[in-house]
Amino acid sequence: STTRRIIDLTLPINPEMAGVQITQAKTVLNDGWNASYINIYSHSGTHMDAPWHFEVNEQTIDQLPLDRLISDAWIWDLHEVGPKEILGVQHLKTLASDFKKGDSLLLRTGWSKRLGPDVYRDALPRIGEDLAHWMGKYKVNVLGVEPPSVADVNNLEEVTKIHQILMQHDIIIVEGL
């Protein structure tokens, strides 16, 4: 029998994150309980991109079948990649021959350690077109990345193209791991 583990890779939301505001709404002393207002940009911290995000189709996150989020996954170590590096099929090395269609792929770059400074958002390693097409060919189920995006968020053409390639192949994108 195969032992399965659930591993939480999400970044905890905190008020120091870009796009996150948490303010006190109630206190035990004044109101009898503690409660907060949370105002959060939809792409703060760990998040999934819906196909609607780039108008690939009209599917929103709440329409994704939950069973799609449970699958065998490869965690691929890419710690050697640098800022602004474009990730290609060559970065997969032996994985390209071992990957089973329908598995998920989590790219471990160590980028989450850069959370906070502008470099986290502005110099992220990103998915190249050849890798995006390879993922489509191999029917990657879920693609998980540590940076806040799979592509350069400061380059509208690139960010649109990479998201559309992945989403047209029905790949679920999880960013900000």
N, C-alpha and C. Protein backbone atom coordinates (compact mmCIF):
# COMPACT_ATOMS: atom_id res chain seq x y z
N SER A 1 0.84 -1.17 0.00
CA SER A 1 0.00 0.00 0.00
C SER A 1 0.89 1.25 0.00
N THR A 2 0.42 2.26 -0.66
CA THR A 2 1.15 3.52 -0.74
C THR A 2 0.73 4.43 0.40
N THR A 3 1.71 4.99 1.07
CA THR A 3 1.43 5.93 2.13
C THR A 3 1.37 7.33 1.54
N ARG A 4 0.31 8.04 1.79
CA ARG A 4 0.16 9.40 1.29
C ARG A 4 0.24 10.35 2.46
N ARG A 5 0.88 11.49 2.21
CA ARG A 5 0.98 12.53 3.23
C ARG A 5 0.41 13.81 2.67
N ILE A 6 -0.21 14.58 3.53
CA ILE A 6 -0.65 15.92 3.16
C ILE A 6 0.36 16.87 3.76
N ILE A 7 0.94 17.71 2.90
CA ILE A 7 1.94 18.67 3.34
C ILE A 7 1.44 20.06 2.99
N ASP A 8 1.33 20.91 3.99
CA ASP A 8 0.85 22.28 3.77
C ASP A 8 2.03 23.13 3.32
N LEU A 9 1.99 23.62 2.08
CA LEU A 9 3.04 24.45 1.52
C LEU A 9 2.62 25.92 1.42
N THR A 10 1.50 26.27 2.01
CA THR A 10 1.00 27.64 1.89
C THR A 10 1.78 28.60 2.78
N LEU A 11 1.88 29.83 2.30
CA LEU A 11 2.50 30.89 3.08
C LEU A 11 1.45 31.46 4.04
N PRO A 12 1.78 31.59 5.32
CA PRO A 12 0.81 32.19 6.24
C PRO A 12 0.56 33.66 5.87
N ILE A 13 -0.68 34.06 5.89
CA ILE A 13 -1.04 35.45 5.61
C ILE A 13 -0.67 36.30 6.82
N ASN A 14 -0.03 37.43 6.56
CA ASN A 14 0.30 38.34 7.65
C ASN A 14 0.23 39.77 7.14
N PRO A 15 0.07 40.73 8.03
CA PRO A 15 -0.12 42.13 7.60
C PRO A 15 1.11 42.76 6.94
N GLU A 16 2.27 42.10 7.00
CA GLU A 16 3.45 42.64 6.34
C GLU A 16 3.47 42.29 4.84
N MET A 17 2.61 41.37 4.42
CA MET A 17 2.56 40.97 3.01
C MET A 17 1.94 42.08 2.17
N ALA A 18 2.45 42.23 0.97
CA ALA A 18 1.84 43.17 0.03
C ALA A 18 0.40 42.74 -0.24
N GLY A 19 -0.52 43.69 -0.20
CA GLY A 19 -1.92 43.39 -0.50
C GLY A 19 -2.72 42.85 0.66
N VAL A 20 -2.17 42.86 1.86
CA VAL A 20 -2.88 42.33 3.04
C VAL A 20 -3.02 43.43 4.09
N GLN A 21 -4.25 43.64 4.54
CA GLN A 21 -4.52 44.55 5.64
C GLN A 21 -5.36 43.82 6.67
N ILE A 22 -4.88 43.78 7.90
CA ILE A 22 -5.62 43.14 8.98
C ILE A 22 -5.76 44.18 10.09
N THR A 23 -7.00 44.48 10.46
CA THR A 23 -7.25 45.47 11.51
C THR A 23 -8.20 44.89 12.55
N GLN A 24 -8.07 45.37 13.76
CA GLN A 24 -8.90 44.91 14.85
C GLN A 24 -10.33 45.41 14.65
N ALA A 25 -11.30 44.50 14.74
CA ALA A 25 -12.71 44.87 14.62
C ALA A 25 -13.39 44.87 15.99
N LYS A 26 -13.07 43.88 16.79
CA LYS A 26 -13.67 43.71 18.12
C LYS A 26 -12.60 43.27 19.09
N THR A 27 -12.80 43.59 20.35
CA THR A 27 -11.90 43.10 21.41
C THR A 27 -12.73 42.50 22.53
N VAL A 28 -12.12 41.59 23.26
CA VAL A 28 -12.81 40.99 24.41
C VAL A 28 -13.19 42.07 25.41
N LEU A 29 -12.28 42.99 25.65
CA LEU A 29 -12.51 44.05 26.64
C LEU A 29 -13.72 44.90 26.29
N ASN A 30 -13.84 45.31 25.04
CA ASN A 30 -14.92 46.22 24.65
C ASN A 30 -16.18 45.51 24.13
N ASP A 31 -16.01 44.35 23.51
CA ASP A 31 -17.14 43.73 22.80
C ASP A 31 -17.47 42.32 23.27
N GLY A 32 -16.59 41.72 24.06
CA GLY A 32 -16.85 40.37 24.54
C GLY A 32 -16.14 39.29 23.71
N TRP A 33 -15.54 39.64 22.61
CA TRP A 33 -14.79 38.68 21.78
C TRP A 33 -13.79 39.44 20.90
N ASN A 34 -12.81 38.70 20.41
CA ASN A 34 -11.83 39.25 19.48
C ASN A 34 -12.22 38.89 18.06
N ALA A 35 -12.12 39.85 17.17
CA ALA A 35 -12.39 39.62 15.75
C ALA A 35 -11.60 40.65 14.94
N SER A 36 -11.33 40.31 13.68
CA SER A 36 -10.54 41.20 12.82
C SER A 36 -11.23 41.41 11.48
N TYR A 37 -10.91 42.54 10.87
CA TYR A 37 -11.25 42.77 9.47
C TYR A 37 -10.04 42.32 8.66
N ILE A 38 -10.28 41.59 7.61
CA ILE A 38 -9.20 41.15 6.73
C ILE A 38 -9.52 41.62 5.33
N ASN A 39 -8.65 42.45 4.78
CA ASN A 39 -8.78 42.93 3.41
C ASN A 39 -7.57 42.37 2.66
N ILE A 40 -7.82 41.55 1.64
CA ILE A 40 -6.72 40.86 0.99
C ILE A 40 -6.88 40.88 -0.53
N TYR A 41 -5.82 41.22 -1.22
CA TYR A 41 -5.76 41.14 -2.67
C TYR A 41 -5.73 39.67 -3.05
N SER A 42 -6.45 39.28 -4.07
CA SER A 42 -6.62 37.87 -4.41
C SER A 42 -5.33 37.15 -4.79
N HIS A 43 -4.25 37.89 -5.02
CA HIS A 43 -2.99 37.25 -5.37
C HIS A 43 -1.92 37.44 -4.29
N SER A 44 -2.36 37.66 -3.07
CA SER A 44 -1.43 37.75 -1.94
C SER A 44 -1.18 36.35 -1.41
N GLY A 45 0.06 36.10 -1.02
CA GLY A 45 0.38 34.79 -0.44
C GLY A 45 0.15 33.66 -1.43
N THR A 46 -0.14 32.50 -0.90
CA THR A 46 -0.38 31.32 -1.74
C THR A 46 -1.78 31.42 -2.34
N HIS A 47 -1.84 31.23 -3.64
CA HIS A 47 -3.13 31.36 -4.32
C HIS A 47 -3.16 30.51 -5.60
N MET A 48 -4.37 30.23 -6.07
CA MET A 48 -4.55 29.52 -7.34
C MET A 48 -5.10 30.51 -8.36
N ASP A 49 -4.69 30.31 -9.60
CA ASP A 49 -5.21 31.13 -10.69
C ASP A 49 -6.31 30.36 -11.41
N ALA A 50 -7.45 30.98 -11.54
CA ALA A 50 -8.56 30.38 -12.28
C ALA A 50 -8.41 30.71 -13.76
N PRO A 51 -8.89 29.86 -14.67
CA PRO A 51 -8.85 30.18 -16.10
C PRO A 51 -9.50 31.53 -16.43
N TRP A 52 -10.50 31.92 -15.65
CA TRP A 52 -11.15 33.21 -15.84
C TRP A 52 -10.17 34.37 -15.68
N HIS A 53 -9.13 34.18 -14.87
CA HIS A 53 -8.12 35.21 -14.58
C HIS A 53 -7.52 35.77 -15.87
N PHE A 54 -7.33 34.91 -16.89
CA PHE A 54 -6.81 35.36 -18.18
C PHE A 54 -7.79 35.07 -19.31
N GLU A 55 -9.06 34.90 -18.94
CA GLU A 55 -10.16 34.68 -19.88
C GLU A 55 -9.90 33.55 -20.87
N VAL A 56 -9.26 32.48 -20.37
CA VAL A 56 -9.09 31.27 -21.17
C VAL A 56 -10.45 30.61 -21.33
N ASN A 57 -11.22 30.60 -20.26
CA ASN A 57 -12.63 30.22 -20.27
C ASN A 57 -13.27 30.89 -19.07
N GLU A 58 -14.50 30.57 -18.77
CA GLU A 58 -15.22 31.27 -17.69
C GLU A 58 -15.12 30.57 -16.34
N GLN A 59 -14.28 29.54 -16.24
CA GLN A 59 -14.17 28.78 -14.99
C GLN A 59 -13.50 29.63 -13.90
N THR A 60 -14.15 29.66 -12.74
CA THR A 60 -13.62 30.34 -11.57
C THR A 60 -13.14 29.28 -10.57
N ILE A 61 -12.40 29.70 -9.56
CA ILE A 61 -11.82 28.76 -8.60
C ILE A 61 -12.87 27.88 -7.95
N ASP A 62 -14.02 28.44 -7.60
CA ASP A 62 -15.05 27.65 -6.92
C ASP A 62 -15.63 26.56 -7.82
N GLN A 63 -15.35 26.60 -9.11
CA GLN A 63 -15.86 25.59 -10.04
C GLN A 63 -14.86 24.46 -10.28
N LEU A 64 -13.65 24.57 -9.73
CA LEU A 64 -12.67 23.50 -9.87
C LEU A 64 -13.08 22.30 -9.03
N PRO A 65 -13.11 21.11 -9.60
CA PRO A 65 -13.43 19.93 -8.80
C PRO A 65 -12.32 19.69 -7.76
N LEU A 66 -12.70 19.51 -6.51
CA LEU A 66 -11.71 19.34 -5.44
C LEU A 66 -10.80 18.15 -5.66
N ASP A 67 -11.28 17.10 -6.31
CA ASP A 67 -10.43 15.93 -6.53
C ASP A 67 -9.25 16.23 -7.46
N ARG A 68 -9.33 17.31 -8.21
CA ARG A 68 -8.19 17.72 -9.04
C ARG A 68 -7.01 18.17 -8.19
N LEU A 69 -7.27 18.57 -6.96
CA LEU A 69 -6.22 19.10 -6.10
C LEU A 69 -5.49 18.02 -5.32
N ILE A 70 -5.85 16.77 -5.56
CA ILE A 70 -5.19 15.65 -4.89
C ILE A 70 -4.63 14.75 -5.98
N SER A 71 -3.31 14.65 -6.01
CA SER A 71 -2.67 13.80 -7.02
C SER A 71 -1.25 13.49 -6.58
N ASP A 72 -0.65 12.54 -7.27
CA ASP A 72 0.77 12.30 -7.06
C ASP A 72 1.51 13.53 -7.56
N ALA A 73 2.57 13.90 -6.85
CA ALA A 73 3.29 15.12 -7.22
C ALA A 73 4.80 14.88 -7.17
N TRP A 74 5.46 15.51 -8.10
CA TRP A 74 6.93 15.55 -8.12
C TRP A 74 7.35 16.89 -7.52
N ILE A 75 8.29 16.85 -6.59
CA ILE A 75 8.89 18.07 -6.08
C ILE A 75 10.26 18.14 -6.74
N TRP A 76 10.44 19.12 -7.61
CA TRP A 76 11.67 19.20 -8.38
C TRP A 76 12.54 20.34 -7.88
N ASP A 77 13.75 19.98 -7.44
CA ASP A 77 14.66 20.94 -6.84
C ASP A 77 15.35 21.78 -7.91
N LEU A 78 15.11 23.07 -7.88
CA LEU A 78 15.72 24.02 -8.82
C LEU A 78 16.42 25.15 -8.07
N HIS A 79 17.02 24.82 -6.93
CA HIS A 79 17.68 25.86 -6.13
C HIS A 79 18.80 26.58 -6.88
N GLU A 80 19.32 25.97 -7.94
CA GLU A 80 20.42 26.59 -8.66
C GLU A 80 19.98 27.73 -9.58
N VAL A 81 18.67 27.90 -9.79
CA VAL A 81 18.23 28.96 -10.70
C VAL A 81 18.38 30.33 -10.05
N GLY A 82 18.66 31.32 -10.89
CA GLY A 82 18.88 32.66 -10.39
C GLY A 82 17.73 33.59 -10.67
N PRO A 83 17.83 34.81 -10.17
CA PRO A 83 16.82 35.83 -10.42
C PRO A 83 16.60 36.01 -11.93
N LYS A 84 15.34 36.18 -12.30
CA LYS A 84 14.89 36.43 -13.67
C LYS A 84 15.21 35.30 -14.65
N GLU A 85 15.63 34.16 -14.14
CA GLU A 85 15.96 33.03 -15.03
C GLU A 85 14.69 32.44 -15.62
N ILE A 86 14.78 32.10 -16.90
CA ILE A 86 13.66 31.45 -17.59
C ILE A 86 13.86 29.95 -17.48
N LEU A 87 12.88 29.28 -16.91
CA LEU A 87 12.95 27.84 -16.71
C LEU A 87 12.48 27.12 -17.96
N GLY A 88 13.32 26.21 -18.45
CA GLY A 88 12.99 25.45 -19.65
C GLY A 88 12.98 23.97 -19.37
N VAL A 89 12.68 23.20 -20.39
CA VAL A 89 12.64 21.74 -20.26
C VAL A 89 14.00 21.22 -19.77
N GLN A 90 15.09 21.87 -20.16
CA GLN A 90 16.43 21.42 -19.75
C GLN A 90 16.58 21.44 -18.23
N HIS A 91 15.82 22.25 -17.52
CA HIS A 91 15.90 22.30 -16.06
C HIS A 91 15.30 21.04 -15.41
N LEU A 92 14.51 20.30 -16.16
CA LEU A 92 13.88 19.10 -15.61
C LEU A 92 14.82 17.90 -15.59
N LYS A 93 15.88 17.95 -16.39
CA LYS A 93 16.88 16.88 -16.45
C LYS A 93 16.20 15.53 -16.60
N THR A 94 16.39 14.60 -15.67
CA THR A 94 15.85 13.25 -15.80
C THR A 94 14.34 13.16 -15.57
N LEU A 95 13.76 14.17 -14.96
CA LEU A 95 12.32 14.13 -14.71
C LEU A 95 11.53 13.98 -16.01
N ALA A 96 12.01 14.60 -17.06
CA ALA A 96 11.30 14.56 -18.34
C ALA A 96 11.03 13.13 -18.80
N SER A 97 11.90 12.20 -18.48
CA SER A 97 11.69 10.81 -18.90
C SER A 97 10.90 9.99 -17.89
N ASP A 98 10.83 10.43 -16.63
CA ASP A 98 10.14 9.68 -15.58
C ASP A 98 8.73 10.17 -15.27
N PHE A 99 8.41 11.36 -15.69
CA PHE A 99 7.12 11.98 -15.35
C PHE A 99 5.96 11.19 -15.96
N LYS A 100 4.93 10.94 -15.16
CA LYS A 100 3.72 10.26 -15.65
C LYS A 100 2.65 11.28 -15.95
N LYS A 101 2.02 11.15 -17.09
CA LYS A 101 0.94 12.08 -17.46
C LYS A 101 -0.09 12.13 -16.35
N GLY A 102 -0.49 13.37 -15.99
CA GLY A 102 -1.50 13.57 -14.96
C GLY A 102 -0.93 13.81 -13.58
N ASP A 103 0.38 13.61 -13.39
CA ASP A 103 0.99 13.93 -12.10
C ASP A 103 1.06 15.45 -11.95
N SER A 104 1.29 15.89 -10.73
CA SER A 104 1.48 17.31 -10.46
C SER A 104 2.98 17.59 -10.33
N LEU A 105 3.34 18.87 -10.49
CA LEU A 105 4.74 19.26 -10.47
C LEU A 105 4.91 20.50 -9.60
N LEU A 106 5.73 20.37 -8.56
CA LEU A 106 6.03 21.47 -7.66
C LEU A 106 7.49 21.85 -7.86
N LEU A 107 7.72 23.09 -8.29
CA LEU A 107 9.08 23.55 -8.58
C LEU A 107 9.65 24.25 -7.35
N ARG A 108 10.65 23.64 -6.76
CA ARG A 108 11.27 24.13 -5.52
C ARG A 108 12.50 24.97 -5.87
N THR A 109 12.35 26.27 -5.79
CA THR A 109 13.43 27.18 -6.16
C THR A 109 14.05 27.89 -4.96
N GLY A 110 13.43 27.80 -3.79
CA GLY A 110 13.89 28.55 -2.63
C GLY A 110 13.44 30.00 -2.67
N TRP A 111 12.62 30.34 -3.67
CA TRP A 111 12.21 31.73 -3.86
C TRP A 111 11.37 32.25 -2.69
N SER A 112 10.68 31.39 -1.98
CA SER A 112 9.84 31.84 -0.86
C SER A 112 10.68 32.51 0.24
N LYS A 113 11.97 32.22 0.29
CA LYS A 113 12.84 32.86 1.29
C LYS A 113 13.04 34.34 0.98
N ARG A 114 12.68 34.77 -0.23
CA ARG A 114 12.85 36.18 -0.63
C ARG A 114 11.57 36.98 -0.44
N LEU A 115 10.57 36.39 0.19
CA LEU A 115 9.29 37.05 0.41
C LEU A 115 9.50 38.39 1.09
N GLY A 116 8.86 39.41 0.56
CA GLY A 116 8.94 40.73 1.17
C GLY A 116 9.58 41.75 0.27
N PRO A 117 10.90 41.65 0.02
CA PRO A 117 11.55 42.67 -0.83
C PRO A 117 11.01 42.65 -2.26
N ASP A 118 11.23 43.73 -2.97
CA ASP A 118 10.75 43.85 -4.35
C ASP A 118 11.27 42.73 -5.24
N VAL A 119 12.47 42.19 -4.95
CA VAL A 119 13.04 41.13 -5.78
C VAL A 119 12.11 39.92 -5.84
N TYR A 120 11.35 39.66 -4.78
CA TYR A 120 10.42 38.53 -4.75
C TYR A 120 9.43 38.61 -5.90
N ARG A 121 8.94 39.79 -6.18
CA ARG A 121 7.96 40.00 -7.24
C ARG A 121 8.61 40.37 -8.57
N ASP A 122 9.68 41.15 -8.54
CA ASP A 122 10.22 41.75 -9.75
C ASP A 122 11.36 40.98 -10.41
N ALA A 123 11.94 39.99 -9.73
CA ALA A 123 13.08 39.27 -10.32
C ALA A 123 12.88 37.76 -10.25
N LEU A 124 11.65 37.32 -10.21
CA LEU A 124 11.36 35.91 -10.02
C LEU A 124 11.81 35.04 -11.20
N PRO A 125 12.25 33.80 -10.90
CA PRO A 125 12.47 32.85 -11.99
C PRO A 125 11.11 32.47 -12.54
N ARG A 126 11.04 32.20 -13.85
CA ARG A 126 9.72 32.01 -14.44
C ARG A 126 9.71 30.92 -15.49
N ILE A 127 8.53 30.48 -15.82
CA ILE A 127 8.32 29.39 -16.77
C ILE A 127 8.51 29.91 -18.19
N GLY A 128 9.35 29.23 -18.97
CA GLY A 128 9.52 29.57 -20.37
C GLY A 128 8.46 28.88 -21.23
N GLU A 129 8.30 29.36 -22.45
CA GLU A 129 7.28 28.79 -23.35
C GLU A 129 7.50 27.31 -23.60
N ASP A 130 8.76 26.88 -23.80
CA ASP A 130 9.00 25.47 -24.09
C ASP A 130 8.58 24.59 -22.92
N LEU A 131 8.83 25.05 -21.69
CA LEU A 131 8.44 24.29 -20.51
C LEU A 131 6.91 24.29 -20.36
N ALA A 132 6.27 25.41 -20.63
CA ALA A 132 4.80 25.47 -20.55
C ALA A 132 4.18 24.49 -21.54
N HIS A 133 4.71 24.44 -22.75
CA HIS A 133 4.19 23.49 -23.76
C HIS A 133 4.47 22.04 -23.35
N TRP A 134 5.66 21.79 -22.78
CA TRP A 134 5.99 20.44 -22.29
C TRP A 134 4.98 20.02 -21.23
N MET A 135 4.66 20.94 -20.31
CA MET A 135 3.69 20.63 -19.25
C MET A 135 2.33 20.29 -19.84
N GLY A 136 1.95 21.00 -20.90
CA GLY A 136 0.70 20.69 -21.58
C GLY A 136 0.74 19.31 -22.22
N LYS A 137 1.84 18.99 -22.88
CA LYS A 137 2.00 17.69 -23.54
C LYS A 137 1.90 16.55 -22.54
N TYR A 138 2.49 16.76 -21.35
CA TYR A 138 2.49 15.72 -20.32
C TYR A 138 1.32 15.84 -19.35
N LYS A 139 0.39 16.70 -19.67
CA LYS A 139 -0.85 16.83 -18.90
C LYS A 139 -0.60 17.02 -17.40
N VAL A 140 0.32 17.95 -17.09
CA VAL A 140 0.57 18.27 -15.68
C VAL A 140 -0.77 18.67 -15.07
N ASN A 141 -1.09 18.09 -13.94
CA ASN A 141 -2.36 18.37 -13.28
C ASN A 141 -2.31 19.72 -12.57
N VAL A 142 -1.40 19.83 -11.59
CA VAL A 142 -1.21 21.06 -10.83
C VAL A 142 0.25 21.46 -10.97
N LEU A 143 0.48 22.72 -11.29
CA LEU A 143 1.83 23.28 -11.29
C LEU A 143 1.92 24.21 -10.09
N GLY A 144 2.85 23.93 -9.19
CA GLY A 144 3.05 24.77 -8.02
C GLY A 144 4.41 25.43 -8.07
N VAL A 145 4.44 26.75 -7.80
CA VAL A 145 5.70 27.50 -7.80
C VAL A 145 5.79 28.36 -6.55
N GLU A 146 7.01 28.67 -6.14
CA GLU A 146 7.21 29.51 -4.97
C GLU A 146 7.04 31.00 -5.25
N PRO A 147 7.47 31.50 -6.42
CA PRO A 147 7.27 32.93 -6.69
C PRO A 147 5.77 33.27 -6.76
N PRO A 148 5.45 34.55 -6.74
CA PRO A 148 4.04 34.96 -6.78
C PRO A 148 3.40 34.80 -8.16
N SER A 149 4.17 34.37 -9.15
CA SER A 149 3.63 34.15 -10.49
C SER A 149 4.50 33.15 -11.24
N VAL A 150 3.93 32.54 -12.29
CA VAL A 150 4.70 31.66 -13.16
C VAL A 150 5.45 32.44 -14.23
N ALA A 151 5.18 33.74 -14.33
CA ALA A 151 5.79 34.57 -15.37
C ALA A 151 6.06 35.97 -14.82
N ASP A 152 6.77 36.76 -15.61
CA ASP A 152 7.16 38.11 -15.21
C ASP A 152 5.92 39.01 -15.13
N VAL A 153 5.56 39.38 -13.92
CA VAL A 153 4.36 40.20 -13.72
C VAL A 153 4.52 41.62 -14.25
N ASN A 154 5.75 42.01 -14.56
CA ASN A 154 6.00 43.34 -15.13
C ASN A 154 6.02 43.33 -16.65
N ASN A 155 5.74 42.17 -17.25
CA ASN A 155 5.73 42.03 -18.70
C ASN A 155 4.37 41.43 -19.09
N LEU A 156 3.42 42.28 -19.43
CA LEU A 156 2.05 41.83 -19.70
C LEU A 156 1.99 40.76 -20.79
N GLU A 157 2.77 40.92 -21.84
CA GLU A 157 2.75 39.94 -22.93
C GLU A 157 3.20 38.56 -22.42
N GLU A 158 4.31 38.53 -21.67
CA GLU A 158 4.81 37.26 -21.16
C GLU A 158 3.85 36.63 -20.15
N VAL A 159 3.41 37.41 -19.18
CA VAL A 159 2.56 36.86 -18.13
C VAL A 159 1.25 36.32 -18.73
N THR A 160 0.73 37.00 -19.73
CA THR A 160 -0.50 36.53 -20.38
C THR A 160 -0.24 35.25 -21.17
N LYS A 161 0.82 35.24 -21.96
CA LYS A 161 1.12 34.08 -22.81
C LYS A 161 1.35 32.82 -21.99
N ILE A 162 2.17 32.90 -20.96
CA ILE A 162 2.49 31.71 -20.16
C ILE A 162 1.25 31.20 -19.42
N HIS A 163 0.50 32.09 -18.82
CA HIS A 163 -0.74 31.66 -18.14
C HIS A 163 -1.70 31.02 -19.14
N GLN A 164 -1.86 31.61 -20.29
CA GLN A 164 -2.79 31.07 -21.28
C GLN A 164 -2.35 29.70 -21.78
N ILE A 165 -1.06 29.53 -22.05
CA ILE A 165 -0.58 28.21 -22.49
C ILE A 165 -0.92 27.16 -21.44
N LEU A 166 -0.59 27.44 -20.19
CA LEU A 166 -0.85 26.47 -19.12
C LEU A 166 -2.34 26.21 -18.95
N MET A 167 -3.12 27.28 -18.91
CA MET A 167 -4.56 27.12 -18.67
C MET A 167 -5.29 26.48 -19.85
N GLN A 168 -4.83 26.71 -21.06
CA GLN A 168 -5.45 26.06 -22.22
C GLN A 168 -5.24 24.55 -22.17
N HIS A 169 -4.22 24.12 -21.42
CA HIS A 169 -3.96 22.69 -21.24
C HIS A 169 -4.57 22.18 -19.94
N ASP A 170 -5.44 22.97 -19.32
CA ASP A 170 -6.17 22.59 -18.11
C ASP A 170 -5.23 22.33 -16.93
N ILE A 171 -4.12 23.07 -16.88
CA ILE A 171 -3.18 22.95 -15.77
C ILE A 171 -3.60 23.94 -14.67
N ILE A 172 -3.76 23.41 -13.47
CA ILE A 172 -4.09 24.27 -12.33
C ILE A 172 -2.78 24.91 -11.86
N ILE A 173 -2.80 26.22 -11.74
CA ILE A 173 -1.61 26.98 -11.34
C ILE A 173 -1.75 27.41 -9.89
N VAL A 174 -0.77 27.03 -9.06
CA VAL A 174 -0.72 27.47 -7.67
C VAL A 174 0.59 28.26 -7.52
N GLU A 175 0.46 29.50 -7.07
CA GLU A 175 1.62 30.38 -6.96
C GLU A 175 1.81 30.83 -5.52
N GLY A 176 3.02 31.23 -5.19
CA GLY A 176 3.30 31.73 -3.85
C GLY A 176 3.39 30.64 -2.80
N LEU A 177 3.94 29.49 -3.15
CA LEU A 177 4.10 28.41 -2.16
C LEU A 177 5.24 28.73 -1.21
